Amino acid sequence: MDSEIIPDAELDCVGYYCPMPIAMTKEEIDKIAVGQVLKVEADDPAAEEDIKRWAKRTGHEILKFEKKGTIMTFFIRRTK
């Protein structure tokens, strides 16, 4: 059983569509300290690929990704 990740900040992008979830995630990750975790929830089908690609490109780490129905949840650690 993996331990539950406790996010330092949460962002609700449900109901927003590309490019809003990624723009909001970028803005929000800049507000937290390096090493902290941002929880992002989105229901835009494009967000899964967009956020994963953005994290890879910017070097932030996706600790966990879950999908329940249409809702996707990302736990992203700020790395720099």
PDB file of N, CA and C in Angstrom:
ATOM      1  N   MET A   1       0.849  -1.203   0.000  1.00  0.00           N
ATOM      2  CA  MET A   1       0.000   0.000   0.000  1.00  0.00           C
ATOM      3  C   MET A   1       0.881   1.248   0.000  1.00  0.00           C
ATOM      4  N   ASP A   2       0.663   2.131  -0.966  1.00  0.00           N
ATOM      5  CA  ASP A   2       1.504   3.322  -0.983  1.00  0.00           C
ATOM      6  C   ASP A   2       0.912   4.386  -0.080  1.00  0.00           C
ATOM      7  N   SER A   3       1.782   5.178   0.515  1.00  0.00           N
ATOM      8  CA  SER A   3       1.306   6.197   1.444  1.00  0.00           C
ATOM      9  C   SER A   3       0.624   7.304   0.653  1.00  0.00           C
ATOM     10  N   GLU A   4      -0.354   7.892   1.257  1.00  0.00           N
ATOM     11  CA  GLU A   4      -1.111   8.952   0.597  1.00  0.00           C
ATOM     12  C   GLU A   4      -0.225  10.186   0.463  1.00  0.00           C
ATOM     13  N   ILE A   5      -0.227  10.782  -0.709  1.00  0.00           N
ATOM     14  CA  ILE A   5       0.553  11.998  -0.929  1.00  0.00           C
ATOM     15  C   ILE A   5      -0.265  13.177  -0.422  1.00  0.00           C
ATOM     16  N   ILE A   6       0.338  13.965   0.449  1.00  0.00           N
ATOM     17  CA  ILE A   6      -0.342  15.149   0.977  1.00  0.00           C
ATOM     18  C   ILE A   6       0.146  16.366   0.178  1.00  0.00           C
ATOM     19  N   PRO A   7      -0.732  16.943  -0.642  1.00  0.00           N
ATOM     20  CA  PRO A   7      -0.300  18.088  -1.442  1.00  0.00           C
ATOM     21  C   PRO A   7      -0.150  19.361  -0.599  1.00  0.00           C
ATOM     22  N   ASP A   8       0.768  20.222  -1.006  1.00  0.00           N
ATOM     23  CA  ASP A   8       0.953  21.512  -0.333  1.00  0.00           C
ATOM     24  C   ASP A   8      -0.015  22.547  -0.888  1.00  0.00           C
ATOM     25  N   ALA A   9      -0.501  22.301  -2.106  1.00  0.00           N
ATOM     26  CA  ALA A   9      -1.460  23.205  -2.750  1.00  0.00           C
ATOM     27  C   ALA A   9      -2.333  22.379  -3.684  1.00  0.00           C
ATOM     28  N   GLU A  10      -3.535  22.889  -3.943  1.00  0.00           N
ATOM     29  CA  GLU A  10      -4.462  22.177  -4.828  1.00  0.00           C
ATOM     30  C   GLU A  10      -4.996  23.128  -5.882  1.00  0.00           C
ATOM     31  N   LEU A  11      -5.205  22.592  -7.068  1.00  0.00           N
ATOM     32  CA  LEU A  11      -5.712  23.380  -8.181  1.00  0.00           C
ATOM     33  C   LEU A  11      -6.857  22.620  -8.846  1.00  0.00           C
ATOM     34  N   ASP A  12      -7.993  23.288  -8.989  1.00  0.00           N
ATOM     35  CA  ASP A  12      -9.159  22.664  -9.609  1.00  0.00           C
ATOM     36  C   ASP A  12      -9.325  23.224 -11.023  1.00  0.00           C
ATOM     37  N   CYS A  13      -9.036  22.406 -12.016  1.00  0.00           N
ATOM     38  CA  CYS A  13      -9.186  22.822 -13.423  1.00  0.00           C
ATOM     39  C   CYS A  13     -10.400  22.169 -14.068  1.00  0.00           C
ATOM     40  N   VAL A  14     -11.254  21.544 -13.280  1.00  0.00           N
ATOM     41  CA  VAL A  14     -12.425  20.863 -13.825  1.00  0.00           C
ATOM     42  C   VAL A  14     -13.327  21.895 -14.504  1.00  0.00           C
ATOM     43  N   GLY A  15     -13.720  21.588 -15.739  1.00  0.00           N
ATOM     44  CA  GLY A  15     -14.577  22.500 -16.486  1.00  0.00           C
ATOM     45  C   GLY A  15     -13.788  23.434 -17.397  1.00  0.00           C
ATOM     46  N   TYR A  16     -12.463  23.432 -17.256  1.00  0.00           N
ATOM     47  CA  TYR A  16     -11.617  24.263 -18.117  1.00  0.00           C
ATOM     48  C   TYR A  16     -11.039  23.402 -19.226  1.00  0.00           C
ATOM     49  N   TYR A  17     -10.861  24.003 -20.388  1.00  0.00           N
ATOM     50  CA  TYR A  17     -10.320  23.259 -21.521  1.00  0.00           C
ATOM     51  C   TYR A  17      -9.047  23.901 -22.032  1.00  0.00           C
ATOM     52  N   CYS A  18      -8.268  23.088 -22.729  1.00  0.00           N
ATOM     53  CA  CYS A  18      -6.986  23.479 -23.284  1.00  0.00           C
ATOM     54  C   CYS A  18      -7.075  24.875 -23.891  1.00  0.00           C
ATOM     55  N   PRO A  19      -6.161  25.772 -23.616  1.00  0.00           N
ATOM     56  CA  PRO A  19      -4.912  25.557 -22.858  1.00  0.00           C
ATOM     57  C   PRO A  19      -4.993  25.947 -21.386  1.00  0.00           C
ATOM     58  N   MET A  20      -6.202  26.150 -20.843  1.00  0.00           N
ATOM     59  CA  MET A  20      -6.321  26.647 -19.471  1.00  0.00           C
ATOM     60  C   MET A  20      -5.697  25.746 -18.398  1.00  0.00           C
ATOM     61  N   PRO A  21      -5.968  24.420 -18.387  1.00  0.00           N
ATOM     62  CA  PRO A  21      -5.383  23.606 -17.312  1.00  0.00           C
ATOM     63  C   PRO A  21      -3.856  23.716 -17.239  1.00  0.00           C
ATOM     64  N   ILE A  22      -3.203  23.744 -18.373  1.00  0.00           N
ATOM     65  CA  ILE A  22      -1.750  23.811 -18.374  1.00  0.00           C
ATOM     66  C   ILE A  22      -1.270  25.205 -17.948  1.00  0.00           C
ATOM     67  N   ALA A  23      -1.971  26.240 -18.391  1.00  0.00           N
ATOM     68  CA  ALA A  23      -1.618  27.616 -18.009  1.00  0.00           C
ATOM     69  C   ALA A  23      -1.802  27.806 -16.506  1.00  0.00           C
ATOM     70  N   MET A  24      -2.909  27.276 -15.977  1.00  0.00           N
ATOM     71  CA  MET A  24      -3.192  27.397 -14.545  1.00  0.00           C
ATOM     72  C   MET A  24      -2.187  26.594 -13.719  1.00  0.00           C
ATOM     73  N   THR A  25      -1.801  25.419 -14.224  1.00  0.00           N
ATOM     74  CA  THR A  25      -0.830  24.577 -13.519  1.00  0.00           C
ATOM     75  C   THR A  25       0.524  25.283 -13.444  1.00  0.00           C
ATOM     76  N   LYS A  26       0.957  25.869 -14.560  1.00  0.00           N
ATOM     77  CA  LYS A  26       2.227  26.611 -14.600  1.00  0.00           C
ATOM     78  C   LYS A  26       2.225  27.729 -13.570  1.00  0.00           C
ATOM     79  N   GLU A  27       1.133  28.492 -13.557  1.00  0.00           N
ATOM     80  CA  GLU A  27       1.004  29.637 -12.652  1.00  0.00           C
ATOM     81  C   GLU A  27       1.059  29.173 -11.195  1.00  0.00           C
ATOM     82  N   GLU A  28       0.332  28.101 -10.913  1.00  0.00           N
ATOM     83  CA  GLU A  28       0.219  27.603  -9.541  1.00  0.00           C
ATOM     84  C   GLU A  28       1.532  26.987  -9.049  1.00  0.00           C
ATOM     85  N   ILE A  29       2.267  26.286  -9.921  1.00  0.00           N
ATOM     86  CA  ILE A  29       3.512  25.631  -9.491  1.00  0.00           C
ATOM     87  C   ILE A  29       4.543  26.678  -9.102  1.00  0.00           C
ATOM     88  N   ASP A  30       4.468  27.854  -9.718  1.00  0.00           N
ATOM     89  CA  ASP A  30       5.398  28.945  -9.384  1.00  0.00           C
ATOM     90  C   ASP A  30       5.137  29.530  -8.004  1.00  0.00           C
ATOM     91  N   LYS A  31       3.967  29.262  -7.451  1.00  0.00           N
ATOM     92  CA  LYS A  31       3.609  29.817  -6.140  1.00  0.00           C
ATOM     93  C   LYS A  31       4.075  28.936  -4.982  1.00  0.00           C
ATOM     94  N   ILE A  32       4.435  27.686  -5.284  1.00  0.00           N
ATOM     95  CA  ILE A  32       4.870  26.793  -4.206  1.00  0.00           C
ATOM     96  C   ILE A  32       6.388  26.667  -4.214  1.00  0.00           C
ATOM     97  N   ALA A  33       6.936  26.206  -3.110  1.00  0.00           N
ATOM     98  CA  ALA A  33       8.390  26.082  -2.984  1.00  0.00           C
ATOM     99  C   ALA A  33       8.894  24.819  -3.673  1.00  0.00           C
ATOM    100  N   VAL A  34      10.158  24.825  -4.044  1.00  0.00           N
ATOM    101  CA  VAL A  34      10.802  23.645  -4.620  1.00  0.00           C
ATOM    102  C   VAL A  34      10.662  22.499  -3.615  1.00  0.00           C
ATOM    103  N   GLY A  35      10.264  21.329  -4.104  1.00  0.00           N
ATOM    104  CA  GLY A  35      10.072  20.173  -3.223  1.00  0.00           C
ATOM    105  C   GLY A  35       8.634  20.005  -2.766  1.00  0.00           C
ATOM    106  N   GLN A  36       7.830  21.052  -2.913  1.00  0.00           N
ATOM    107  CA  GLN A  36       6.425  20.946  -2.514  1.00  0.00           C
ATOM    108  C   GLN A  36       5.619  20.284  -3.630  1.00  0.00           C
ATOM    109  N   VAL A  37       4.409  19.844  -3.271  1.00  0.00           N
ATOM    110  CA  VAL A  37       3.572  19.089  -4.204  1.00  0.00           C
ATOM    111  C   VAL A  37       2.277  19.834  -4.499  1.00  0.00           C
ATOM    112  N   LEU A  38       1.964  19.901  -5.781  1.00  0.00           N
ATOM    113  CA  LEU A  38       0.720  20.510  -6.249  1.00  0.00           C
ATOM    114  C   LEU A  38      -0.208  19.406  -6.741  1.00  0.00           C
ATOM    115  N   LYS A  39      -1.423  19.428  -6.245  1.00  0.00           N
ATOM    116  CA  LYS A  39      -2.445  18.473  -6.717  1.00  0.00           C
ATOM    117  C   LYS A  39      -3.310  19.205  -7.742  1.00  0.00           C
ATOM    118  N   VAL A  40      -3.416  18.628  -8.932  1.00  0.00           N
ATOM    119  CA  VAL A  40      -4.210  19.240  -9.997  1.00  0.00           C
ATOM    120  C   VAL A  40      -5.316  18.268 -10.405  1.00  0.00           C
ATOM    121  N   GLU A  41      -6.541  18.763 -10.461  1.00  0.00           N
ATOM    122  CA  GLU A  41      -7.651  17.952 -10.953  1.00  0.00           C
ATOM    123  C   GLU A  41      -8.170  18.582 -12.235  1.00  0.00           C
ATOM    124  N   ALA A  42      -8.371  17.750 -13.259  1.00  0.00           N
ATOM    125  CA  ALA A  42      -8.851  18.249 -14.545  1.00  0.00           C
ATOM    126  C   ALA A  42      -9.757  17.215 -15.197  1.00  0.00           C
ATOM    127  N   ASP A  43     -10.646  17.691 -16.075  1.00  0.00           N
ATOM    128  CA  ASP A  43     -11.509  16.757 -16.803  1.00  0.00           C
ATOM    129  C   ASP A  43     -11.391  16.953 -18.315  1.00  0.00           C
ATOM    130  N   ASP A  44     -10.458  17.807 -18.742  1.00  0.00           N
ATOM    131  CA  ASP A  44     -10.211  17.983 -20.175  1.00  0.00           C
ATOM    132  C   ASP A  44      -9.396  16.792 -20.660  1.00  0.00           C
ATOM    133  N   PRO A  45      -9.917  16.015 -21.625  1.00  0.00           N
ATOM    134  CA  PRO A  45      -9.178  14.837 -22.094  1.00  0.00           C
ATOM    135  C   PRO A  45      -7.745  15.147 -22.542  1.00  0.00           C
ATOM    136  N   ALA A  46      -7.523  16.351 -23.062  1.00  0.00           N
ATOM    137  CA  ALA A  46      -6.184  16.732 -23.528  1.00  0.00           C
ATOM    138  C   ALA A  46      -5.226  16.973 -22.369  1.00  0.00           C
ATOM    139  N   ALA A  47      -5.761  17.218 -21.182  1.00  0.00           N
ATOM    140  CA  ALA A  47      -4.911  17.570 -20.030  1.00  0.00           C
ATOM    141  C   ALA A  47      -3.942  16.455 -19.657  1.00  0.00           C
ATOM    142  N   GLU A  48      -4.365  15.207 -19.804  1.00  0.00           N
ATOM    143  CA  GLU A  48      -3.485  14.090 -19.430  1.00  0.00           C
ATOM    144  C   GLU A  48      -2.159  14.181 -20.174  1.00  0.00           C
ATOM    145  N   GLU A  49      -2.240  14.265 -21.486  1.00  0.00           N
ATOM    146  CA  GLU A  49      -1.024  14.331 -22.302  1.00  0.00           C
ATOM    147  C   GLU A  49      -0.305  15.663 -22.117  1.00  0.00           C
ATOM    148  N   ASP A  50      -1.073  16.760 -22.092  1.00  0.00           N
ATOM    149  CA  ASP A  50      -0.488  18.101 -21.959  1.00  0.00           C
ATOM    150  C   ASP A  50       0.312  18.255 -20.676  1.00  0.00           C
ATOM    151  N   ILE A  51      -0.289  17.869 -19.565  1.00  0.00           N
ATOM    152  CA  ILE A  51       0.374  18.072 -18.271  1.00  0.00           C
ATOM    153  C   ILE A  51       1.575  17.145 -18.138  1.00  0.00           C
ATOM    154  N   LYS A  52       1.444  15.902 -18.596  1.00  0.00           N
ATOM    155  CA  LYS A  52       2.584  14.979 -18.544  1.00  0.00           C
ATOM    156  C   LYS A  52       3.748  15.507 -19.390  1.00  0.00           C
ATOM    157  N   ARG A  53       3.442  16.000 -20.578  1.00  0.00           N
ATOM    158  CA  ARG A  53       4.467  16.521 -21.475  1.00  0.00           C
ATOM    159  C   ARG A  53       5.109  17.779 -20.879  1.00  0.00           C
ATOM    160  N   TRP A  54       4.268  18.657 -20.328  1.00  0.00           N
ATOM    161  CA  TRP A  54       4.770  19.886 -19.700  1.00  0.00           C
ATOM    162  C   TRP A  54       5.707  19.559 -18.539  1.00  0.00           C
ATOM    163  N   ALA A  55       5.314  18.613 -17.692  1.00  0.00           N
ATOM    164  CA  ALA A  55       6.139  18.236 -16.535  1.00  0.00           C
ATOM    165  C   ALA A  55       7.496  17.700 -16.993  1.00  0.00           C
ATOM    166  N   LYS A  56       7.464  16.868 -18.017  1.00  0.00           N
ATOM    167  CA  LYS A  56       8.707  16.303 -18.550  1.00  0.00           C
ATOM    168  C   LYS A  56       9.611  17.403 -19.098  1.00  0.00           C
ATOM    169  N   ARG A  57       9.013  18.318 -19.842  1.00  0.00           N
ATOM    170  CA  ARG A  57       9.768  19.404 -20.471  1.00  0.00           C
ATOM    171  C   ARG A  57      10.365  20.365 -19.434  1.00  0.00           C
ATOM    172  N   THR A  58       9.605  20.640 -18.379  1.00  0.00           N
ATOM    173  CA  THR A  58      10.061  21.610 -17.374  1.00  0.00           C
ATOM    174  C   THR A  58      10.845  20.952 -16.252  1.00  0.00           C
ATOM    175  N   GLY A  59      10.845  19.622 -16.227  1.00  0.00           N
ATOM    176  CA  GLY A  59      11.622  18.912 -15.216  1.00  0.00           C
ATOM    177  C   GLY A  59      10.899  18.699 -13.899  1.00  0.00           C
ATOM    178  N   HIS A  60       9.617  19.048 -13.834  1.00  0.00           N
ATOM    179  CA  HIS A  60       8.860  18.770 -12.612  1.00  0.00           C
ATOM    180  C   HIS A  60       8.462  17.297 -12.617  1.00  0.00           C
ATOM    181  N   GLU A  61       8.237  16.759 -11.432  1.00  0.00           N
ATOM    182  CA  GLU A  61       8.022  15.315 -11.309  1.00  0.00           C
ATOM    183  C   GLU A  61       6.567  14.993 -10.999  1.00  0.00           C
ATOM    184  N   ILE A  62       5.958  14.151 -11.841  1.00  0.00           N
ATOM    185  CA  ILE A  62       4.606  13.682 -11.537  1.00  0.00           C
ATOM    186  C   ILE A  62       4.761  12.469 -10.619  1.00  0.00           C
ATOM    187  N   LEU A  63       4.375  12.666  -9.370  1.00  0.00           N
ATOM    188  CA  LEU A  63       4.521  11.605  -8.366  1.00  0.00           C
ATOM    189  C   LEU A  63       3.451  10.545  -8.543  1.00  0.00           C
ATOM    190  N   LYS A  64       2.265  11.003  -8.960  1.00  0.00           N
ATOM    191  CA  LYS A  64       1.141  10.088  -9.049  1.00  0.00           C
ATOM    192  C   LYS A  64       0.130  10.648 -10.034  1.00  0.00           C
ATOM    193  N   PHE A  65      -0.488   9.757 -10.784  1.00  0.00           N
ATOM    194  CA  PHE A  65      -1.549  10.147 -11.713  1.00  0.00           C
ATOM    195  C   PHE A  65      -2.697   9.159 -11.533  1.00  0.00           C
ATOM    196  N   GLU A  66      -3.885   9.685 -11.339  1.00  0.00           N
ATOM    197  CA  GLU A  66      -5.064   8.822 -11.166  1.00  0.00           C
ATOM    198  C   GLU A  66      -6.153   9.298 -12.113  1.00  0.00           C
ATOM    199  N   LYS A  67      -6.961   8.350 -12.534  1.00  0.00           N
ATOM    200  CA  LYS A  67      -8.095   8.686 -13.384  1.00  0.00           C
ATOM    201  C   LYS A  67      -9.316   7.989 -12.810  1.00  0.00           C
ATOM    202  N   LYS A  68     -10.317   8.781 -12.433  1.00  0.00           N
ATOM    203  CA  LYS A  68     -11.578   8.204 -11.939  1.00  0.00           C
ATOM    204  C   LYS A  68     -12.691   8.796 -12.776  1.00  0.00           C
ATOM    205  N   GLY A  69     -13.237   8.001 -13.649  1.00  0.00           N
ATOM    206  CA  GLY A  69     -14.261   8.511 -14.563  1.00  0.00           C
ATOM    207  C   GLY A  69     -13.627   9.536 -15.478  1.00  0.00           C
ATOM    208  N   THR A  70     -14.200  10.734 -15.508  1.00  0.00           N
ATOM    209  CA  THR A  70     -13.644  11.780 -16.376  1.00  0.00           C
ATOM    210  C   THR A  70     -12.619  12.650 -15.649  1.00  0.00           C
ATOM    211  N   ILE A  71     -12.492  12.454 -14.337  1.00  0.00           N
ATOM    212  CA  ILE A  71     -11.597  13.311 -13.539  1.00  0.00           C
ATOM    213  C   ILE A  71     -10.200  12.705 -13.457  1.00  0.00           C
ATOM    214  N   MET A  72      -9.223  13.523 -13.832  1.00  0.00           N
ATOM    215  CA  MET A  72      -7.822  13.110 -13.715  1.00  0.00           C
ATOM    216  C   MET A  72      -7.181  13.903 -12.593  1.00  0.00           C
ATOM    217  N   THR A  73      -6.384  13.213 -11.803  1.00  0.00           N
ATOM    218  CA  THR A  73      -5.694  13.866 -10.694  1.00  0.00           C
ATOM    219  C   THR A  73      -4.195  13.663 -10.848  1.00  0.00           C
ATOM    220  N   PHE A  74      -3.477  14.770 -10.818  1.00  0.00           N
ATOM    221  CA  PHE A  74      -2.017  14.750 -10.917  1.00  0.00           C
ATOM    222  C   PHE A  74      -1.436  15.249  -9.610  1.00  0.00           C
ATOM    223  N   PHE A  75      -0.390  14.597  -9.140  1.00  0.00           N
ATOM    224  CA  PHE A  75       0.386  15.096  -8.002  1.00  0.00           C
ATOM    225  C   PHE A  75       1.745  15.453  -8.561  1.00  0.00           C
ATOM    226  N   ILE A  76       2.063  16.726  -8.598  1.00  0.00           N
ATOM    227  CA  ILE A  76       3.273  17.205  -9.261  1.00  0.00           C
ATOM    228  C   ILE A  76       4.202  17.842  -8.231  1.00  0.00           C
ATOM    229  N   ARG A  77       5.443  17.337  -8.176  1.00  0.00           N
ATOM    230  CA  ARG A  77       6.434  17.924  -7.273  1.00  0.00           C
ATOM    231  C   ARG A  77       7.216  18.978  -8.025  1.00  0.00           C
ATOM    232  N   ARG A  78       7.325  20.163  -7.419  1.00  0.00           N
ATOM    233  CA  ARG A  78       8.147  21.209  -8.028  1.00  0.00           C
ATOM    234  C   ARG A  78       9.612  20.865  -7.789  1.00  0.00           C
ATOM    235  N   THR A  79      10.395  20.815  -8.839  1.00  0.00           N
ATOM    236  CA  THR A  79      11.788  20.374  -8.703  1.00  0.00           C
ATOM    237  C   THR A  79      12.799  21.498  -8.854  1.00  0.00           C
ATOM    238  N   LYS A  80      12.338  22.676  -9.348  1.00  0.00           N
ATOM    239  CA  LYS A  80      13.293  23.776  -9.478  1.00  0.00           C
ATOM    240  C   LYS A  80      12.617  25.117  -9.458  1.00  0.00           C
TER     241      LYS A  80
END
